[in-house]
Amino acid sequence: MILENPDKMHPNEKRAALSIAGIFSTRMLGLFMIFPVFALFAETEFENITGLQIGIAIGIYGLTQALLQIPYGMLSDRFGRKPLIIVGMLVFMLGSVVCALADSIEMMIIGRALQGMGAVAAVLMASVADLVTEQFRLRAMSIVGMTIGLSFTLSLIAGPLLASWFGVRGIFWVTAVLAIIGMLLVWFAMPAIKKQSFQREAEAVPSDFLAILKHTQLLRLDLGVFVLHAILTAMFIVIPLSLRDSGGLISTEHWMIYLPVMLLSFVLMVPFIIQAESKGRMKQVFVGAIATILLMQLAFMTEQSFWSLFFWLLIFFTAFNLLEASLPSLVVKLSPADKKGTASGIYSTSQFIGAAVGGVLGGYFYQHYGYNGVFEFTAVLAAIWLIVAYSMEKPLPLSIASVPISPISEADVESITEQLLAYDGIYEVVVIVEEQRAYFKIDRTQVNEVALIDYIENSQQTN
């Protein structure tokens, strides 16, 4: 078995993590910068527009992203990661240009759908797995995940600012430029993938879909991310209107509330993350955050002022950011050792479908039942999630790792599995002969991966 075990990430691995994070951020900014300003823009720009049309335009990207992200990943196995990323960014750029030039809400919806069709997320995550060795993959994934979160935060601030400088159509032109920057990062910053292989930890396996869809604990998380993003998308149909009408802010001033809200929410969520991850109170914190989301939906239905909106948004985004950080971690903790990529793919698909459904139904309820109708809808969604999450299992503090083991045959599987399970801190082992690799669930507080690899090599030599 050959495996590099340097004490720190190789410069090429750091370059891979940072460049892929940069590509992700260009796409995330482009998708979300219109959230704080689109409803106000659409009301004045297009004649006879309905709430449903606004909701579809905001959320339609989620439907096309959900439909295409797993196929993109599969195609990248055949045609290469970089070519598929370039294709996705070109489609994303085309959608941005269509939005910038749209003279009707229907054309805007088409443009937003095209933006979602540049569904390169799965390909980017597979690229991380190709370019970063196993022991540093979790760190690289964390860098990408933090970048995604920061990009969403920045988008809420940058959207109103860019609208004040260039108009809302200017945001879409900036998005097209971001797509070009993303492609330049692929060409010049992202390292060449010299040895591309199928990455079970980052890619979906169609034959595993049924097993994951039958996994009730993972289904709870899929429902959770669906609800979370449905609520978020539905809220942004009406929150910009409320900030204008009740908060007294014109659209280009909305960054003044989003900037302190997002910064403070990140600070406020830190103690809860410490309680969840370090003190073993993940379930209590998780369920408490869902209950907070529900309470905030009810709070938004009360009479509003600038300061009440500020406070409700602060509490909402503290809980939202906490859940957004916790959900992917729980997917890893609860997914089978050899099915992480499939579990993550279905989870991401649920997230994007949630955004699409939230846009459509949020727009429908706004059109027919007004501002409070949207929050009655989101409150029902949050209540359903709270009931489902309350019965979830308490997750163990586990993560997924893998090592290549060769040469092995079917006759070796049982002995290798027994040897690994005998090692303190390993809770599940799956050996796949076709890949000459073992996948396992480990408690990283107990397992030193370098020592574990030495243990496996010595065991093989003994046998």
Protein backbone atom coordinates (compact mmCIF):
# COMPACT_ATOMS: atom_id res chain seq x y z
CA MET A 1 0.00 0.00 0.00
CA ILE A 2 1.40 3.38 -1.01
CA LEU A 3 0.12 6.48 0.71
CA GLU A 4 1.81 9.80 1.35
CA ASN A 5 1.67 11.04 4.91
CA PRO A 6 3.33 14.45 5.10
CA ASP A 7 2.96 16.45 8.29
CA LYS A 8 1.11 19.21 6.46
CA MET A 9 -0.76 19.81 3.24
CA HIS A 10 1.40 19.93 0.13
CA PRO A 11 1.42 23.38 -1.55
CA ASN A 12 -0.36 21.84 -4.52
CA GLU A 13 -3.12 20.62 -2.21
CA LYS A 14 -3.51 24.08 -0.68
CA ARG A 15 -3.65 25.53 -4.18
CA ALA A 16 -6.33 23.01 -5.14
CA ALA A 17 -8.47 23.76 -2.07
CA LEU A 18 -8.20 27.54 -2.47
CA SER A 19 -8.78 27.60 -6.24
CA ILE A 20 -11.81 25.32 -6.01
CA ALA A 21 -13.15 27.43 -3.15
CA GLY A 22 -12.71 30.47 -5.38
CA ILE A 23 -14.62 28.83 -8.24
CA PHE A 24 -17.41 27.92 -5.84
CA SER A 25 -17.58 31.48 -4.55
CA THR A 26 -17.97 33.03 -8.02
CA ARG A 27 -20.99 30.84 -8.61
CA MET A 28 -22.53 31.31 -5.17
CA LEU A 29 -22.26 35.08 -5.37
CA GLY A 30 -23.86 35.06 -8.80
CA LEU A 31 -26.82 32.99 -7.66
CA PHE A 32 -27.59 34.82 -4.43
CA MET A 33 -26.73 38.50 -4.95
CA ILE A 34 -30.20 39.14 -6.39
CA PHE A 35 -32.02 37.70 -3.36
CA PRO A 36 -32.13 40.97 -1.35
CA VAL A 37 -33.23 43.15 -4.29
CA PHE A 38 -35.08 41.06 -6.86
CA ALA A 39 -38.63 41.35 -5.50
CA LEU A 40 -38.40 45.15 -5.42
CA PHE A 41 -36.80 45.25 -8.87
CA ALA A 42 -39.38 42.92 -10.44
CA GLU A 43 -42.35 44.90 -9.08
CA THR A 44 -41.22 48.06 -10.89
CA GLU A 45 -39.50 46.55 -13.94
CA PHE A 46 -42.14 44.17 -15.30
CA GLU A 47 -45.79 44.93 -15.93
CA ASN A 48 -48.60 42.89 -14.35
CA ILE A 49 -46.15 40.70 -12.47
CA THR A 50 -47.51 38.25 -9.91
CA GLY A 51 -46.07 36.99 -6.65
CA LEU A 52 -45.90 33.50 -8.12
CA GLN A 53 -43.74 34.73 -11.01
CA ILE A 54 -41.39 36.49 -8.59
CA GLY A 55 -41.06 33.30 -6.56
CA ILE A 56 -40.40 31.16 -9.63
CA ALA A 57 -37.72 33.57 -10.86
CA ILE A 58 -35.96 33.54 -7.48
CA GLY A 59 -36.10 29.77 -6.93
CA ILE A 60 -36.06 28.15 -10.40
CA TYR A 61 -32.27 27.82 -10.35
CA GLY A 62 -32.72 25.19 -7.63
CA LEU A 63 -34.79 22.91 -9.87
CA THR A 64 -32.31 22.84 -12.75
CA GLN A 65 -29.39 22.53 -10.33
CA ALA A 66 -31.08 19.58 -8.60
CA LEU A 67 -31.77 17.81 -11.90
CA LEU A 68 -28.26 18.20 -13.31
CA GLN A 69 -25.73 18.18 -10.48
CA ILE A 70 -25.46 14.36 -10.21
CA PRO A 71 -25.38 13.86 -14.02
CA TYR A 72 -22.61 16.49 -14.24
CA GLY A 73 -20.57 14.51 -11.75
CA MET A 74 -21.04 11.30 -13.72
CA LEU A 75 -20.14 12.99 -17.00
CA SER A 76 -16.98 14.37 -15.44
CA ASP A 77 -15.84 10.79 -14.76
CA ARG A 78 -15.93 10.20 -18.50
CA PHE A 79 -14.92 13.53 -20.02
CA GLY A 80 -12.76 15.01 -17.26
CA ARG A 81 -13.34 17.39 -14.37
CA LYS A 82 -12.00 20.61 -15.87
CA PRO A 83 -13.93 20.37 -19.18
CA LEU A 84 -17.21 19.85 -17.30
CA ILE A 85 -16.49 22.75 -14.94
CA ILE A 86 -15.77 25.00 -17.92
CA VAL A 87 -19.01 23.91 -19.62
CA GLY A 88 -20.96 24.56 -16.42
CA MET A 89 -19.47 28.02 -15.98
CA LEU A 90 -20.20 28.87 -19.63
CA VAL A 91 -23.85 27.89 -19.13
CA PHE A 92 -23.90 29.92 -15.91
CA MET A 93 -22.49 32.93 -17.77
CA LEU A 94 -25.07 32.55 -20.55
CA GLY A 95 -27.88 32.49 -17.98
CA SER A 96 -26.51 35.64 -16.36
CA VAL A 97 -26.44 37.47 -19.71
CA VAL A 98 -30.02 36.37 -20.46
CA CYS A 99 -31.11 37.77 -17.07
CA ALA A 100 -29.27 41.04 -17.68
CA LEU A 101 -31.04 41.50 -21.03
CA ALA A 102 -34.46 40.12 -20.00
CA ASP A 103 -37.36 42.37 -20.98
CA SER A 104 -40.02 40.13 -19.43
CA ILE A 105 -40.38 38.04 -16.31
CA GLU A 106 -40.61 34.94 -18.49
CA MET A 107 -37.19 35.67 -19.98
CA MET A 108 -35.84 36.32 -16.49
CA ILE A 109 -37.10 32.91 -15.37
CA ILE A 110 -35.37 31.27 -18.36
CA GLY A 111 -32.14 33.05 -17.46
CA ARG A 112 -32.31 31.95 -13.84
CA ALA A 113 -33.01 28.38 -14.95
CA LEU A 114 -29.90 28.53 -17.16
CA GLN A 115 -27.85 29.79 -14.24
CA GLY A 116 -28.87 26.71 -12.27
CA MET A 117 -28.01 24.45 -15.22
CA GLY A 118 -24.33 25.24 -14.70
CA ALA A 119 -24.46 22.63 -11.92
CA VAL A 120 -20.77 22.10 -11.24
CA ALA A 121 -20.89 21.61 -7.46
CA ALA A 122 -20.53 17.82 -7.58
CA VAL A 123 -17.69 18.06 -10.09
CA LEU A 124 -15.84 20.54 -7.91
CA MET A 125 -16.15 18.32 -4.85
CA ALA A 126 -14.90 15.32 -6.85
CA SER A 127 -11.95 17.49 -7.95
CA VAL A 128 -11.08 18.13 -4.31
CA ALA A 129 -11.01 14.37 -3.75
CA ASP A 130 -8.79 13.91 -6.83
CA LEU A 131 -6.29 16.58 -5.83
CA VAL A 132 -6.06 16.22 -2.04
CA THR A 133 -4.79 13.15 -0.19
CA GLU A 134 -7.12 11.33 2.19
CA GLN A 135 -5.76 12.69 5.46
CA PHE A 136 -6.20 16.30 4.35
CA ARG A 137 -9.41 15.92 2.40
CA LEU A 138 -11.63 16.87 5.33
CA ARG A 139 -9.59 20.04 5.83
CA ALA A 140 -9.88 20.93 2.14
CA MET A 141 -13.63 20.27 2.18
CA SER A 142 -13.91 22.54 5.23
CA ILE A 143 -12.13 25.35 3.37
CA VAL A 144 -14.61 24.99 0.51
CA GLY A 145 -17.55 24.84 2.93
CA MET A 146 -16.47 27.99 4.78
CA THR A 147 -16.06 29.79 1.46
CA ILE A 148 -19.61 28.85 0.45
CA GLY A 149 -20.96 30.24 3.73
CA LEU A 150 -18.97 33.45 3.44
CA SER A 151 -20.06 33.85 -0.19
CA PHE A 152 -23.72 33.68 0.81
CA THR A 153 -23.13 36.28 3.52
CA LEU A 154 -21.26 38.53 1.11
CA SER A 155 -24.00 38.16 -1.50
CA LEU A 156 -26.61 39.69 0.84
CA ILE A 157 -24.37 42.70 1.36
CA ALA A 158 -22.98 43.00 -2.19
CA GLY A 159 -26.38 42.71 -3.91
CA PRO A 160 -27.85 45.99 -2.59
CA LEU A 161 -24.49 47.77 -2.97
CA LEU A 162 -24.08 46.72 -6.59
CA ALA A 163 -27.72 47.64 -7.26
CA SER A 164 -26.99 51.15 -5.98
CA TRP A 165 -23.96 51.48 -8.27
CA PHE A 166 -25.03 49.66 -11.45
CA GLY A 167 -28.73 48.84 -11.03
CA VAL A 168 -30.13 45.35 -10.62
CA ARG A 169 -29.36 44.46 -14.23
CA GLY A 170 -25.80 45.41 -13.45
CA ILE A 171 -25.73 42.62 -10.85
CA PHE A 172 -26.30 40.10 -13.62
CA TRP A 173 -23.49 41.61 -15.71
CA VAL A 174 -21.22 41.36 -12.68
CA THR A 175 -22.33 37.74 -12.33
CA ALA A 176 -21.32 37.06 -15.94
CA VAL A 177 -17.90 38.53 -15.18
CA LEU A 178 -17.67 36.31 -12.08
CA ALA A 179 -18.32 33.30 -14.32
CA ILE A 180 -15.38 34.35 -16.50
CA ILE A 181 -13.22 34.72 -13.39
CA GLY A 182 -14.29 31.23 -12.38
CA MET A 183 -13.19 29.85 -15.74
CA LEU A 184 -9.84 31.63 -15.44
CA LEU A 185 -9.37 30.01 -12.05
CA VAL A 186 -10.02 26.60 -13.65
CA TRP A 187 -7.48 27.25 -16.40
CA PHE A 188 -4.70 28.96 -14.46
CA ALA A 189 -5.11 28.37 -10.71
CA MET A 190 -6.65 24.91 -10.30
CA PRO A 191 -3.91 22.24 -10.49
CA ALA A 192 -3.96 19.73 -13.32
CA ILE A 193 -5.61 16.46 -12.33
CA LYS A 194 -2.95 13.96 -13.35
CA LYS A 195 -4.74 10.90 -12.03
CA GLN A 196 -8.51 11.18 -12.08
CA SER A 197 -10.49 8.35 -10.58
CA PHE A 198 -13.99 7.72 -9.36
CA GLN A 199 -14.28 9.17 -5.85
CA ARG A 200 -16.84 7.29 -3.77
CA GLU A 201 -16.43 9.82 -0.94
CA ALA A 202 -17.42 12.73 -3.19
CA GLU A 203 -19.55 11.26 -5.99
CA ALA A 204 -22.92 9.55 -6.14
CA VAL A 205 -23.24 5.86 -7.00
CA PRO A 206 -26.63 5.19 -8.68
CA SER A 207 -26.78 1.65 -7.32
CA ASP A 208 -26.61 3.08 -3.78
CA PHE A 209 -29.56 5.48 -4.19
CA LEU A 210 -32.17 3.06 -2.84
CA ALA A 211 -30.11 2.22 0.25
CA ILE A 212 -29.67 5.90 1.10
CA LEU A 213 -33.34 6.69 0.43
CA LYS A 214 -34.27 3.93 2.90
CA HIS A 215 -31.95 5.35 5.57
CA THR A 216 -34.44 7.06 7.88
CA GLN A 217 -31.85 9.13 9.75
CA LEU A 218 -30.43 10.55 6.51
CA LEU A 219 -33.96 11.19 5.22
CA ARG A 220 -34.52 13.42 8.26
CA LEU A 221 -31.51 15.48 7.18
CA ASP A 222 -32.69 15.59 3.56
CA LEU A 223 -36.06 16.86 4.72
CA GLY A 224 -34.27 19.35 6.96
CA VAL A 225 -32.16 20.95 4.25
CA PHE A 226 -35.20 20.95 1.94
CA VAL A 227 -37.23 22.87 4.54
CA LEU A 228 -34.37 25.21 5.49
CA HIS A 229 -33.83 26.39 1.92
CA ALA A 230 -37.53 26.47 1.10
CA ILE A 231 -37.99 28.83 4.06
CA LEU A 232 -35.02 30.97 3.05
CA THR A 233 -36.17 31.38 -0.55
CA ALA A 234 -39.79 32.08 0.42
CA MET A 235 -38.69 34.68 2.95
CA PHE A 236 -36.73 36.65 0.37
CA ILE A 237 -39.89 37.15 -1.66
CA VAL A 238 -41.28 39.36 1.12
CA ILE A 239 -38.43 40.44 3.42
CA PRO A 240 -37.13 43.07 0.94
CA LEU A 241 -40.67 44.49 0.74
CA SER A 242 -40.93 44.58 4.53
CA LEU A 243 -37.56 46.32 4.89
CA ARG A 244 -38.86 48.98 2.52
CA ASP A 245 -42.39 49.35 3.84
CA SER A 246 -41.90 48.74 7.58
CA GLY A 247 -38.18 49.32 8.00
CA GLY A 248 -38.06 52.52 5.99
CA LEU A 249 -35.07 51.42 3.86
CA ILE A 250 -34.84 51.87 0.11
CA SER A 251 -33.52 48.81 -1.70
CA THR A 252 -29.97 50.15 -2.06
CA GLU A 253 -29.76 50.63 1.72
CA HIS A 254 -30.69 47.07 2.67
CA TRP A 255 -27.01 46.14 3.05
CA MET A 256 -27.03 48.34 6.16
CA ILE A 257 -29.17 45.77 7.95
CA TYR A 258 -27.71 42.62 6.36
CA LEU A 259 -24.09 43.50 7.17
CA PRO A 260 -24.44 43.76 10.99
CA VAL A 261 -27.01 40.96 11.07
CA MET A 262 -24.74 38.47 9.30
CA LEU A 263 -21.59 39.46 11.20
CA LEU A 264 -23.32 39.27 14.57
CA SER A 265 -25.06 35.99 13.70
CA PHE A 266 -21.70 34.32 13.04
CA VAL A 267 -20.45 35.49 16.43
CA LEU A 268 -23.61 34.36 18.23
CA MET A 269 -23.58 30.87 16.74
CA VAL A 270 -20.03 30.04 17.91
CA PRO A 271 -21.00 29.08 21.51
CA PHE A 272 -23.70 26.77 20.16
CA ILE A 273 -21.24 25.05 17.79
CA ILE A 274 -18.89 24.51 20.73
CA GLN A 275 -21.73 22.99 22.75
CA ALA A 276 -22.76 20.77 19.84
CA GLU A 277 -19.36 19.51 18.69
CA SER A 278 -17.18 19.66 21.81
CA LYS A 279 -19.73 19.00 24.54
CA GLY A 280 -21.66 16.27 22.76
CA ARG A 281 -24.96 18.18 22.64
CA MET A 282 -25.50 18.11 18.89
CA LYS A 283 -29.10 16.91 19.03
CA GLN A 284 -30.19 19.45 21.65
CA VAL A 285 -28.57 22.35 19.80
CA PHE A 286 -29.86 21.13 16.44
CA VAL A 287 -33.47 20.74 17.57
CA GLY A 288 -33.28 24.04 19.45
CA ALA A 289 -32.16 25.83 16.29
CA ILE A 290 -35.11 24.38 14.36
CA ALA A 291 -37.48 25.55 17.08
CA THR A 292 -35.90 29.01 16.80
CA ILE A 293 -36.50 29.03 13.04
CA LEU A 294 -40.16 28.22 13.72
CA LEU A 295 -40.50 30.97 16.32
CA MET A 296 -38.97 33.52 13.96
CA GLN A 297 -41.51 32.67 11.24
CA LEU A 298 -44.24 33.49 13.76
CA ALA A 299 -42.41 36.65 14.85
CA PHE A 300 -42.27 37.97 11.28
CA MET A 301 -46.08 37.94 11.27
CA THR A 302 -46.24 40.55 14.04
CA GLU A 303 -46.24 44.30 13.40
CA GLN A 304 -42.80 45.32 12.20
CA SER A 305 -40.41 48.24 12.58
CA PHE A 306 -36.75 48.68 11.65
CA TRP A 307 -35.50 47.37 14.98
CA SER A 308 -37.92 44.47 15.23
CA LEU A 309 -36.91 43.38 11.70
CA PHE A 310 -33.26 43.71 12.67
CA PHE A 311 -33.75 41.56 15.77
CA TRP A 312 -35.84 38.86 14.07
CA LEU A 313 -33.38 38.63 11.16
CA LEU A 314 -30.46 38.40 13.60
CA ILE A 315 -32.01 35.51 15.52
CA PHE A 316 -33.15 33.82 12.30
CA PHE A 317 -29.72 33.94 10.65
CA THR A 318 -27.98 32.79 13.84
CA ALA A 319 -30.14 29.66 13.76
CA PHE A 320 -29.92 29.39 9.95
CA ASN A 321 -26.11 29.57 9.91
CA LEU A 322 -25.91 27.08 12.76
CA LEU A 323 -28.11 24.60 10.90
CA GLU A 324 -26.37 25.23 7.59
CA ALA A 325 -23.06 24.31 9.24
CA SER A 326 -24.45 21.35 11.21
CA LEU A 327 -26.42 19.55 8.50
CA PRO A 328 -23.48 18.53 6.25
CA SER A 329 -21.56 17.43 9.35
CA LEU A 330 -24.50 15.24 10.38
CA VAL A 331 -24.69 13.71 6.90
CA VAL A 332 -21.09 12.53 7.32
CA LYS A 333 -21.72 11.27 10.87
CA LEU A 334 -24.79 9.25 9.85
CA SER A 335 -24.04 8.03 6.32
CA PRO A 336 -22.62 4.52 5.73
CA ALA A 337 -18.85 4.50 5.42
CA ASP A 338 -18.83 3.66 1.71
CA LYS A 339 -21.82 5.80 0.68
CA LYS A 340 -20.84 9.32 1.71
CA GLY A 341 -20.79 10.63 -1.88
CA THR A 342 -24.26 9.26 -2.59
CA ALA A 343 -25.65 10.55 0.70
CA SER A 344 -24.16 13.99 0.04
CA GLY A 345 -25.50 14.02 -3.53
CA ILE A 346 -29.07 13.27 -2.41
CA TYR A 347 -28.70 15.81 0.40
CA SER A 348 -27.59 18.54 -2.04
CA THR A 349 -30.39 17.64 -4.45
CA SER A 350 -32.89 18.02 -1.59
CA GLN A 351 -31.42 21.44 -0.80
CA PHE A 352 -31.88 22.72 -4.35
CA ILE A 353 -35.37 21.27 -4.70
CA GLY A 354 -36.23 23.03 -1.44
CA ALA A 355 -35.13 26.35 -2.93
CA ALA A 356 -37.30 25.76 -5.99
CA VAL A 357 -40.37 24.69 -3.99
CA GLY A 358 -39.89 27.57 -1.55
CA GLY A 359 -39.82 30.04 -4.42
CA VAL A 360 -42.91 28.65 -6.13
CA LEU A 361 -45.06 28.14 -3.04
CA GLY A 362 -43.77 31.26 -1.32
CA GLY A 363 -44.74 33.26 -4.40
CA TYR A 364 -48.13 31.56 -4.53
CA PHE A 365 -48.93 32.32 -0.89
CA TYR A 366 -47.74 35.91 -1.26
CA GLN A 367 -49.91 36.40 -4.33
CA HIS A 368 -53.06 34.95 -2.75
CA TYR A 369 -52.64 35.55 1.00
CA GLY A 370 -50.19 38.43 1.29
CA TYR A 371 -47.17 38.92 3.49
CA ASN A 372 -48.42 36.87 6.45
CA GLY A 373 -49.49 34.05 4.15
CA VAL A 374 -45.84 33.41 3.30
CA PHE A 375 -44.88 33.10 6.95
CA GLU A 376 -47.84 30.88 7.75
CA PHE A 377 -46.53 28.56 5.01
CA THR A 378 -42.93 28.65 6.29
CA ALA A 379 -44.08 28.18 9.90
CA VAL A 380 -45.92 24.98 8.91
CA LEU A 381 -42.77 23.72 7.16
CA ALA A 382 -40.64 24.49 10.22
CA ALA A 383 -43.14 22.77 12.54
CA ILE A 384 -43.06 19.60 10.40
CA TRP A 385 -39.26 19.61 10.49
CA LEU A 386 -39.23 20.11 14.25
CA ILE A 387 -41.49 17.10 14.78
CA VAL A 388 -39.37 14.91 12.48
CA ALA A 389 -36.03 16.06 13.93
CA TYR A 390 -37.14 15.49 17.52
CA SER A 391 -37.01 11.73 16.95
CA MET A 392 -33.56 11.68 15.36
CA GLU A 393 -30.82 9.53 16.87
CA LYS A 394 -28.12 11.20 18.91
CA PRO A 395 -25.19 11.24 16.45
CA LEU A 396 -21.78 9.94 17.45
CA PRO A 397 -18.80 12.26 16.77
CA LEU A 398 -17.64 10.22 13.77
CA SER A 399 -16.16 11.05 10.38
CA ILE A 400 -15.42 8.99 7.29
CA ALA A 401 -11.96 8.05 6.09
CA SER A 402 -10.51 5.59 3.63
CA VAL A 403 -7.17 4.03 2.75
CA PRO A 404 -6.01 2.06 -0.29
CA ILE A 405 -5.14 -1.54 0.57
CA SER A 406 -3.47 -3.71 -2.03
CA PRO A 407 -3.26 -6.39 -3.10
CA ILE A 408 -6.45 -7.85 -1.62
CA SER A 409 -9.00 -10.42 -2.75
CA GLU A 410 -12.44 -11.42 -1.54
CA ALA A 411 -10.78 -13.94 0.76
CA ASP A 412 -9.00 -11.10 2.60
CA VAL A 413 -12.10 -9.00 3.29
CA GLU A 414 -13.21 -10.69 6.50
CA SER A 415 -9.78 -10.63 8.15
CA ILE A 416 -9.10 -7.00 7.16
CA THR A 417 -12.52 -5.98 8.49
CA GLU A 418 -11.91 -7.75 11.80
CA GLN A 419 -8.46 -6.16 12.16
CA LEU A 420 -9.81 -2.67 11.55
CA LEU A 421 -12.78 -3.08 13.87
CA ALA A 422 -10.37 -4.19 16.60
CA TYR A 423 -8.64 -0.81 16.41
CA ASP A 424 -9.92 1.65 19.04
CA GLY A 425 -12.02 4.42 17.52
CA ILE A 426 -13.17 2.56 14.39
CA TYR A 427 -16.90 1.85 14.33
CA GLU A 428 -17.70 0.65 10.82
CA VAL A 429 -15.61 -0.90 8.03
CA VAL A 430 -16.42 -1.60 4.38
CA VAL A 431 -13.75 -3.18 2.17
CA ILE A 432 -14.33 -2.92 -1.59
CA VAL A 433 -12.11 -5.32 -3.49
CA GLU A 434 -12.77 -3.74 -6.90
CA GLU A 435 -11.33 -0.46 -5.65
CA GLN A 436 -8.62 -2.05 -3.45
CA ARG A 437 -9.74 0.30 -0.69
CA ALA A 438 -11.20 0.21 2.82
CA TYR A 439 -13.75 2.77 4.02
CA PHE A 440 -14.38 3.27 7.71
CA LYS A 441 -16.15 5.45 10.27
CA ILE A 442 -13.73 6.79 12.85
CA ASP A 443 -13.65 8.93 15.95
CA ARG A 444 -10.78 11.30 15.13
CA THR A 445 -10.28 12.08 18.81
CA GLN A 446 -9.18 8.45 19.26
CA VAL A 447 -7.64 7.58 15.91
CA ASN A 448 -4.29 8.78 14.62
CA GLU A 449 -4.52 8.11 10.89
CA VAL A 450 -0.76 7.80 10.37
CA ALA A 451 -0.58 5.20 13.13
CA LEU A 452 -3.64 3.47 11.69
CA ILE A 453 -2.02 3.17 8.26
CA ASP A 454 1.11 1.68 9.85
CA TYR A 455 -1.14 -0.75 11.72
CA ILE A 456 -2.80 -1.87 8.48
CA GLU A 457 0.52 -2.29 6.68
CA ASN A 458 2.00 -4.32 9.54
CA SER A 459 -1.13 -6.48 9.68
CA GLN A 460 -0.86 -7.20 5.95
CA GLN A 461 2.79 -8.10 6.22
CA THR A 462 2.00 -10.44 9.10
CA ASN A 463 -0.66 -12.15 7.01
